[in-house]
């Protein structure tokens, strides 16, 4: 992944982690987090016009903190196998 997309992804991760730590009901709207159709428990996140990442929540690794398991990161092609 090009460095500019890597930087955008890392900025989006920071926003998501901040929202989860603050226990907000919904992630920041700009990240457009939503479920992946046909894949229960898998979510997608938008971090650039053609930047997408899929993830799921895993078992807590630290008590009281959400654990994110990143599945695929890249462009729209990640949806072939989210």
PDB file of N, CA and C in Angstrom:
ATOM      1  N   UNK A   1       0.852  -1.168   0.000  1.00  0.00           N
ATOM      2  CA  UNK A   1       0.000   0.000   0.000  1.00  0.00           C
ATOM      3  C   UNK A   1       0.903   1.237   0.000  1.00  0.00           C
ATOM      4  N   UNK A   2       0.585   2.208  -0.816  1.00  0.00           N
ATOM      5  CA  UNK A   2       1.398   3.428  -0.870  1.00  0.00           C
ATOM      6  C   UNK A   2       1.422   4.146   0.488  1.00  0.00           C
ATOM      7  N   UNK A   3       2.509   4.869   0.770  1.00  0.00           N
ATOM      8  CA  UNK A   3       2.638   5.553   2.061  1.00  0.00           C
ATOM      9  C   UNK A   3       1.482   6.490   2.393  1.00  0.00           C
ATOM     10  N   UNK A   4       0.937   7.199   1.395  1.00  0.00           N
ATOM     11  CA  UNK A   4      -0.171   8.112   1.704  1.00  0.00           C
ATOM     12  C   UNK A   4      -1.397   7.346   2.198  1.00  0.00           C
ATOM     13  N   UNK A   5      -1.682   6.179   1.618  1.00  0.00           N
ATOM     14  CA  UNK A   5      -2.804   5.377   2.102  1.00  0.00           C
ATOM     15  C   UNK A   5      -2.498   4.781   3.468  1.00  0.00           C
ATOM     16  N   UNK A   6      -1.263   4.395   3.696  1.00  0.00           N
ATOM     17  CA  UNK A   6      -0.881   3.890   5.019  1.00  0.00           C
ATOM     18  C   UNK A   6      -1.124   4.953   6.079  1.00  0.00           C
ATOM     19  N   UNK A   7      -0.730   6.173   5.792  1.00  0.00           N
ATOM     20  CA  UNK A   7      -0.929   7.265   6.748  1.00  0.00           C
ATOM     21  C   UNK A   7      -2.409   7.526   7.000  1.00  0.00           C
ATOM     22  N   UNK A   8      -3.211   7.493   5.951  1.00  0.00           N
ATOM     23  CA  UNK A   8      -4.651   7.698   6.117  1.00  0.00           C
ATOM     24  C   UNK A   8      -5.268   6.574   6.939  1.00  0.00           C
ATOM     25  N   UNK A   9      -4.813   5.337   6.693  1.00  0.00           N
ATOM     26  CA  UNK A   9      -5.324   4.207   7.461  1.00  0.00           C
ATOM     27  C   UNK A   9      -4.970   4.365   8.939  1.00  0.00           C
ATOM     28  N   UNK A  10      -3.732   4.699   9.230  1.00  0.00           N
ATOM     29  CA  UNK A  10      -3.313   4.854  10.625  1.00  0.00           C
ATOM     30  C   UNK A  10      -4.078   5.982  11.322  1.00  0.00           C
ATOM     31  N   UNK A  11      -4.378   7.050  10.604  1.00  0.00           N
ATOM     32  CA  UNK A  11      -5.175   8.144  11.179  1.00  0.00           C
ATOM     33  C   UNK A  11      -6.593   7.660  11.479  1.00  0.00           C
ATOM     34  N   UNK A  12      -7.165   6.855  10.578  1.00  0.00           N
ATOM     35  CA  UNK A  12      -8.509   6.316  10.799  1.00  0.00           C
ATOM     36  C   UNK A  12      -8.520   5.364  11.991  1.00  0.00           C
ATOM     37  N   UNK A  13      -7.483   4.542  12.115  1.00  0.00           N
ATOM     38  CA  UNK A  13      -7.376   3.632  13.256  1.00  0.00           C
ATOM     39  C   UNK A  13      -7.355   4.433  14.556  1.00  0.00           C
ATOM     40  N   UNK A  14      -6.588   5.503  14.580  1.00  0.00           N
ATOM     41  CA  UNK A  14      -6.516   6.339  15.777  1.00  0.00           C
ATOM     42  C   UNK A  14      -7.888   6.906  16.134  1.00  0.00           C
ATOM     43  N   UNK A  15      -8.649   7.343  15.123  1.00  0.00           N
ATOM     44  CA  UNK A  15     -10.003   7.862  15.376  1.00  0.00           C
ATOM     45  C   UNK A  15     -10.909   6.778  15.944  1.00  0.00           C
ATOM     46  N   UNK A  16     -10.832   5.586  15.365  1.00  0.00           N
ATOM     47  CA  UNK A  16     -11.677   4.482  15.824  1.00  0.00           C
ATOM     48  C   UNK A  16     -11.307   4.082  17.252  1.00  0.00           C
ATOM     49  N   UNK A  17     -10.034   3.962  17.533  1.00  0.00           N
ATOM     50  CA  UNK A  17      -9.579   3.577  18.877  1.00  0.00           C
ATOM     51  C   UNK A  17     -10.006   4.626  19.901  1.00  0.00           C
ATOM     52  N   UNK A  18      -9.888   5.894  19.555  1.00  0.00           N
ATOM     53  CA  UNK A  18     -10.314   6.969  20.462  1.00  0.00           C
ATOM     54  C   UNK A  18     -11.804   6.868  20.762  1.00  0.00           C
ATOM     55  N   UNK A  19     -12.597   6.624  19.727  1.00  0.00           N
ATOM     56  CA  UNK A  19     -14.048   6.494  19.917  1.00  0.00           C
ATOM     57  C   UNK A  19     -14.377   5.288  20.783  1.00  0.00           C
ATOM     58  N   UNK A  20     -13.704   4.175  20.554  1.00  0.00           N
ATOM     59  CA  UNK A  20     -13.961   2.975  21.360  1.00  0.00           C
ATOM     60  C   UNK A  20     -13.547   3.192  22.810  1.00  0.00           C
ATOM     61  N   UNK A  21     -12.412   3.853  23.024  1.00  0.00           N
ATOM     62  CA  UNK A  21     -11.949   4.120  24.389  1.00  0.00           C
ATOM     63  C   UNK A  21     -12.909   5.034  25.138  1.00  0.00           C
ATOM     64  N   UNK A  22     -13.539   5.960  24.401  1.00  0.00           N
ATOM     65  CA  UNK A  22     -14.513   6.875  25.006  1.00  0.00           C
ATOM     66  C   UNK A  22     -15.882   6.217  25.147  1.00  0.00           C
ATOM     67  N   UNK A  23     -15.974   4.986  24.681  1.00  0.00           N
ATOM     68  CA  UNK A  23     -17.225   4.204  24.740  1.00  0.00           C
ATOM     69  C   UNK A  23     -18.389   4.904  24.045  1.00  0.00           C
ATOM     70  N   UNK A  24     -18.076   5.533  22.920  1.00  0.00           N
ATOM     71  CA  UNK A  24     -19.131   6.150  22.113  1.00  0.00           C
ATOM     72  C   UNK A  24     -19.994   5.055  21.510  1.00  0.00           C
ATOM     73  N   UNK A  25     -21.260   5.336  21.370  1.00  0.00           N
ATOM     74  CA  UNK A  25     -22.184   4.346  20.806  1.00  0.00           C
ATOM     75  C   UNK A  25     -21.876   4.066  19.340  1.00  0.00           C
ATOM     76  N   UNK A  26     -21.454   5.093  18.628  1.00  0.00           N
ATOM     77  CA  UNK A  26     -21.168   4.946  17.198  1.00  0.00           C
ATOM     78  C   UNK A  26     -19.772   5.472  16.890  1.00  0.00           C
ATOM     79  N   UNK A  27     -19.077   4.826  15.953  1.00  0.00           N
ATOM     80  CA  UNK A  27     -17.766   5.353  15.540  1.00  0.00           C
ATOM     81  C   UNK A  27     -17.941   6.669  14.784  1.00  0.00           C
ATOM     82  N   UNK A  28     -16.877   7.430  14.604  1.00  0.00           N
ATOM     83  CA  UNK A  28     -16.985   8.693  13.864  1.00  0.00           C
ATOM     84  C   UNK A  28     -17.635   8.481  12.492  1.00  0.00           C
ATOM     85  N   UNK A  29     -18.584   9.337  12.154  1.00  0.00           N
ATOM     86  CA  UNK A  29     -19.342   9.191  10.903  1.00  0.00           C
ATOM     87  C   UNK A  29     -18.444   9.203   9.674  1.00  0.00           C
ATOM     88  N   UNK A  30     -17.359   9.952   9.708  1.00  0.00           N
ATOM     89  CA  UNK A  30     -16.460  10.052   8.565  1.00  0.00           C
ATOM     90  C   UNK A  30     -15.780   8.735   8.205  1.00  0.00           C
ATOM     91  N   UNK A  31     -15.749   7.793   9.138  1.00  0.00           N
ATOM     92  CA  UNK A  31     -15.120   6.502   8.869  1.00  0.00           C
ATOM     93  C   UNK A  31     -16.070   5.536   8.167  1.00  0.00           C
ATOM     94  N   UNK A  32     -17.347   5.883   8.150  1.00  0.00           N
ATOM     95  CA  UNK A  32     -18.369   5.069   7.476  1.00  0.00           C
ATOM     96  C   UNK A  32     -18.244   3.580   7.822  1.00  0.00           C
ATOM     97  N   UNK A  33     -18.222   3.289   9.116  1.00  0.00           N
ATOM     98  CA  UNK A  33     -18.151   1.902   9.573  1.00  0.00           C
ATOM     99  C   UNK A  33     -19.532   1.275   9.415  1.00  0.00           C
ATOM    100  N   UNK A  34     -19.561   0.109   8.775  1.00  0.00           N
ATOM    101  CA  UNK A  34     -20.829  -0.617   8.614  1.00  0.00           C
ATOM    102  C   UNK A  34     -20.523  -2.094   8.422  1.00  0.00           C
ATOM    103  N   UNK A  35     -21.544  -2.911   8.623  1.00  0.00           N
ATOM    104  CA  UNK A  35     -21.384  -4.346   8.453  1.00  0.00           C
ATOM    105  C   UNK A  35     -21.189  -4.721   6.992  1.00  0.00           C
ATOM    106  N   UNK A  36     -20.441  -5.802   6.770  1.00  0.00           N
ATOM    107  CA  UNK A  36     -20.231  -6.308   5.415  1.00  0.00           C
ATOM    108  C   UNK A  36     -21.349  -7.291   5.108  1.00  0.00           C
ATOM    109  N   UNK A  37     -22.092  -7.020   4.057  1.00  0.00           N
ATOM    110  CA  UNK A  37     -23.234  -7.840   3.684  1.00  0.00           C
ATOM    111  C   UNK A  37     -22.807  -9.290   3.449  1.00  0.00           C
ATOM    112  N   UNK A  38     -23.525 -10.203   4.080  1.00  0.00           N
ATOM    113  CA  UNK A  38     -23.270 -11.629   3.896  1.00  0.00           C
ATOM    114  C   UNK A  38     -22.152 -12.182   4.768  1.00  0.00           C
ATOM    115  N   UNK A  39     -21.568 -11.322   5.615  1.00  0.00           N
ATOM    116  CA  UNK A  39     -20.480 -11.759   6.493  1.00  0.00           C
ATOM    117  C   UNK A  39     -20.759 -11.255   7.910  1.00  0.00           C
ATOM    118  N   UNK A  40     -21.527 -12.024   8.673  1.00  0.00           N
ATOM    119  CA  UNK A  40     -21.850 -11.583  10.033  1.00  0.00           C
ATOM    120  C   UNK A  40     -20.582 -11.320  10.848  1.00  0.00           C
ATOM    121  N   UNK A  41     -20.618 -10.305  11.654  1.00  0.00           N
ATOM    122  CA  UNK A  41     -19.529  -9.928  12.562  1.00  0.00           C
ATOM    123  C   UNK A  41     -18.327  -9.294  11.861  1.00  0.00           C
ATOM    124  N   UNK A  42     -18.389  -9.103  10.538  1.00  0.00           N
ATOM    125  CA  UNK A  42     -17.302  -8.431   9.815  1.00  0.00           C
ATOM    126  C   UNK A  42     -17.785  -7.029   9.448  1.00  0.00           C
ATOM    127  N   UNK A  43     -16.942  -6.044   9.706  1.00  0.00           N
ATOM    128  CA  UNK A  43     -17.275  -4.649   9.442  1.00  0.00           C
ATOM    129  C   UNK A  43     -16.279  -4.063   8.449  1.00  0.00           C
ATOM    130  N   UNK A  44     -16.711  -3.021   7.766  1.00  0.00           N
ATOM    131  CA  UNK A  44     -15.804  -2.296   6.878  1.00  0.00           C
ATOM    132  C   UNK A  44     -15.646  -0.877   7.381  1.00  0.00           C
ATOM    133  N   UNK A  45     -14.511  -0.286   7.061  1.00  0.00           N
ATOM    134  CA  UNK A  45     -14.181   1.075   7.443  1.00  0.00           C
ATOM    135  C   UNK A  45     -13.604   1.758   6.205  1.00  0.00           C
ATOM    136  N   UNK A  46     -14.014   2.989   5.971  1.00  0.00           N
ATOM    137  CA  UNK A  46     -13.506   3.771   4.843  1.00  0.00           C
ATOM    138  C   UNK A  46     -12.468   4.751   5.370  1.00  0.00           C
ATOM    139  N   UNK A  47     -11.267   4.731   4.803  1.00  0.00           N
ATOM    140  CA  UNK A  47     -10.230   5.649   5.266  1.00  0.00           C
ATOM    141  C   UNK A  47      -9.696   6.542   4.159  1.00  0.00           C
ATOM    142  N   UNK A  48     -10.159   6.349   2.922  1.00  0.00           N
ATOM    143  CA  UNK A  48      -9.772   7.175   1.778  1.00  0.00           C
ATOM    144  C   UNK A  48     -10.794   6.936   0.678  1.00  0.00           C
ATOM    145  N   UNK A  49     -10.815   7.769  -0.377  1.00  0.00           N
ATOM    146  CA  UNK A  49     -11.783   7.540  -1.445  1.00  0.00           C
ATOM    147  C   UNK A  49     -11.746   6.108  -1.985  1.00  0.00           C
ATOM    148  N   UNK A  50     -10.579   5.510  -2.101  1.00  0.00           N
ATOM    149  CA  UNK A  50     -10.483   4.109  -2.506  1.00  0.00           C
ATOM    150  C   UNK A  50      -9.684   3.333  -1.459  1.00  0.00           C
ATOM    151  N   UNK A  51      -9.900   3.658  -0.204  1.00  0.00           N
ATOM    152  CA  UNK A  51      -9.226   2.970   0.893  1.00  0.00           C
ATOM    153  C   UNK A  51     -10.247   2.325   1.807  1.00  0.00           C
ATOM    154  N   UNK A  52     -10.173   1.003   1.912  1.00  0.00           N
ATOM    155  CA  UNK A  52     -11.120   0.265   2.741  1.00  0.00           C
ATOM    156  C   UNK A  52     -10.360  -0.719   3.618  1.00  0.00           C
ATOM    157  N   UNK A  53     -10.952  -1.032   4.748  1.00  0.00           N
ATOM    158  CA  UNK A  53     -10.395  -2.057   5.623  1.00  0.00           C
ATOM    159  C   UNK A  53     -11.564  -2.846   6.205  1.00  0.00           C
ATOM    160  N   UNK A  54     -11.357  -4.129   6.387  1.00  0.00           N
ATOM    161  CA  UNK A  54     -12.365  -4.943   7.061  1.00  0.00           C
ATOM    162  C   UNK A  54     -11.780  -5.420   8.384  1.00  0.00           C
ATOM    163  N   UNK A  55     -12.683  -5.557   9.357  1.00  0.00           N
ATOM    164  CA  UNK A  55     -12.242  -5.974  10.685  1.00  0.00           C
ATOM    165  C   UNK A  55     -13.385  -6.667  11.406  1.00  0.00           C
ATOM    166  N   UNK A  56     -13.033  -7.297  12.506  1.00  0.00           N
ATOM    167  CA  UNK A  56     -14.025  -7.879  13.405  1.00  0.00           C
ATOM    168  C   UNK A  56     -13.546  -7.628  14.829  1.00  0.00           C
ATOM    169  N   UNK A  57     -14.449  -7.764  15.758  1.00  0.00           N
ATOM    170  CA  UNK A  57     -14.083  -7.619  17.155  1.00  0.00           C
ATOM    171  C   UNK A  57     -13.714  -8.989  17.696  1.00  0.00           C
ATOM    172  N   UNK A  58     -12.560  -9.067  18.345  1.00  0.00           N
ATOM    173  CA  UNK A  58     -12.103 -10.316  18.932  1.00  0.00           C
ATOM    174  C   UNK A  58     -12.318 -10.297  20.437  1.00  0.00           C
ATOM    175  N   UNK A  59     -11.964 -11.390  21.097  1.00  0.00           N
ATOM    176  CA  UNK A  59     -12.077 -11.438  22.557  1.00  0.00           C
ATOM    177  C   UNK A  59     -11.183 -10.373  23.197  1.00  0.00           C
ATOM    178  N   UNK A  60     -11.635  -9.820  24.292  1.00  0.00           N
ATOM    179  CA  UNK A  60     -10.848  -8.804  24.985  1.00  0.00           C
ATOM    180  C   UNK A  60      -9.459  -9.339  25.321  1.00  0.00           C
ATOM    181  N   UNK A  61      -8.455  -8.532  25.045  1.00  0.00           N
ATOM    182  CA  UNK A  61      -7.087  -8.856  25.421  1.00  0.00           C
ATOM    183  C   UNK A  61      -6.711  -8.138  26.713  1.00  0.00           C
ATOM    184  N   UNK A  62      -7.356  -6.989  26.917  1.00  0.00           N
ATOM    185  CA  UNK A  62      -7.217  -6.215  28.152  1.00  0.00           C
ATOM    186  C   UNK A  62      -8.625  -5.963  28.661  1.00  0.00           C
ATOM    187  N   UNK A  63      -8.884  -6.250  29.920  1.00  0.00           N
ATOM    188  CA  UNK A  63     -10.239  -6.081  30.454  1.00  0.00           C
ATOM    189  C   UNK A  63     -10.815  -4.692  30.167  1.00  0.00           C
ATOM    190  N   UNK A  64     -12.019  -4.680  29.642  1.00  0.00           N
ATOM    191  CA  UNK A  64     -12.718  -3.428  29.375  1.00  0.00           C
ATOM    192  C   UNK A  64     -12.348  -2.732  28.087  1.00  0.00           C
ATOM    193  N   UNK A  65     -11.415  -3.284  27.301  1.00  0.00           N
ATOM    194  CA  UNK A  65     -11.007  -2.658  26.041  1.00  0.00           C
ATOM    195  C   UNK A  65     -11.425  -3.526  24.861  1.00  0.00           C
ATOM    196  N   UNK A  66     -11.971  -2.884  23.848  1.00  0.00           N
ATOM    197  CA  UNK A  66     -12.335  -3.613  22.627  1.00  0.00           C
ATOM    198  C   UNK A  66     -11.066  -4.099  21.936  1.00  0.00           C
ATOM    199  N   UNK A  67     -11.161  -5.257  21.325  1.00  0.00           N
ATOM    200  CA  UNK A  67     -10.023  -5.813  20.589  1.00  0.00           C
ATOM    201  C   UNK A  67     -10.419  -5.906  19.120  1.00  0.00           C
ATOM    202  N   UNK A  68      -9.682  -5.232  18.259  1.00  0.00           N
ATOM    203  CA  UNK A  68      -9.989  -5.213  16.832  1.00  0.00           C
ATOM    204  C   UNK A  68      -9.037  -6.155  16.109  1.00  0.00           C
ATOM    205  N   UNK A  69      -9.602  -7.028  15.294  1.00  0.00           N
ATOM    206  CA  UNK A  69      -8.812  -7.923  14.457  1.00  0.00           C
ATOM    207  C   UNK A  69      -8.963  -7.415  13.023  1.00  0.00           C
ATOM    208  N   UNK A  70      -7.901  -6.860  12.479  1.00  0.00           N
ATOM    209  CA  UNK A  70      -7.927  -6.351  11.106  1.00  0.00           C
ATOM    210  C   UNK A  70      -7.820  -7.528  10.161  1.00  0.00           C
ATOM    211  N   UNK A  71      -8.692  -7.571   9.173  1.00  0.00           N
ATOM    212  CA  UNK A  71      -8.733  -8.688   8.238  1.00  0.00           C
ATOM    213  C   UNK A  71      -8.038  -8.359   6.918  1.00  0.00           C
ATOM    214  N   UNK A  72      -8.515  -7.315   6.245  1.00  0.00           N
ATOM    215  CA  UNK A  72      -7.929  -6.927   4.957  1.00  0.00           C
ATOM    216  C   UNK A  72      -7.900  -5.407   4.894  1.00  0.00           C
ATOM    217  N   UNK A  73      -6.861  -4.867   4.275  1.00  0.00           N
ATOM    218  CA  UNK A  73      -6.686  -3.420   4.159  1.00  0.00           C
ATOM    219  C   UNK A  73      -6.213  -3.129   2.743  1.00  0.00           C
ATOM    220  N   UNK A  74      -6.854  -2.176   2.077  1.00  0.00           N
ATOM    221  CA  UNK A  74      -6.444  -1.833   0.719  1.00  0.00           C
ATOM    222  C   UNK A  74      -7.516  -1.061  -0.004  1.00  0.00           C
ATOM    223  N   UNK A  75      -7.752  -1.428  -1.283  1.00  0.00           N
ATOM    224  CA  UNK A  75      -8.773  -0.759  -2.081  1.00  0.00           C
ATOM    225  C   UNK A  75     -10.032  -1.636  -2.119  1.00  0.00           C
ATOM    226  N   UNK A  76     -10.949  -1.320  -3.036  1.00  0.00           N
ATOM    227  CA  UNK A  76     -12.211  -2.067  -3.108  1.00  0.00           C
ATOM    228  C   UNK A  76     -12.029  -3.564  -3.366  1.00  0.00           C
ATOM    229  N   UNK A  77     -10.887  -3.966  -3.869  1.00  0.00           N
ATOM    230  CA  UNK A  77     -10.677  -5.386  -4.159  1.00  0.00           C
ATOM    231  C   UNK A  77     -10.689  -6.253  -2.902  1.00  0.00           C
ATOM    232  N   UNK A  78     -10.565  -5.659  -1.737  1.00  0.00           N
ATOM    233  CA  UNK A  78     -10.576  -6.449  -0.499  1.00  0.00           C
ATOM    234  C   UNK A  78     -11.921  -7.130  -0.283  1.00  0.00           C
ATOM    235  N   UNK A  79     -12.964  -6.654  -0.932  1.00  0.00           N
ATOM    236  CA  UNK A  79     -14.301  -7.218  -0.714  1.00  0.00           C
ATOM    237  C   UNK A  79     -14.505  -8.544  -1.403  1.00  0.00           C
ATOM    238  N   UNK A  80     -13.561  -8.971  -2.216  1.00  0.00           N
ATOM    239  CA  UNK A  80     -13.672 -10.292  -2.828  1.00  0.00           C
ATOM    240  C   UNK A  80     -13.611 -11.384  -1.770  1.00  0.00           C
ATOM    241  N   UNK A  81     -12.870 -11.137  -0.697  1.00  0.00           N
ATOM    242  CA  UNK A  81     -12.770 -12.069   0.436  1.00  0.00           C
ATOM    243  C   UNK A  81     -12.560 -11.232   1.694  1.00  0.00           C
ATOM    244  N   UNK A  82     -13.656 -10.643   2.209  1.00  0.00           N
ATOM    245  CA  UNK A  82     -13.507  -9.684   3.319  1.00  0.00           C
ATOM    246  C   UNK A  82     -12.962 -10.327   4.572  1.00  0.00           C
TER     247      UNK A  82
END
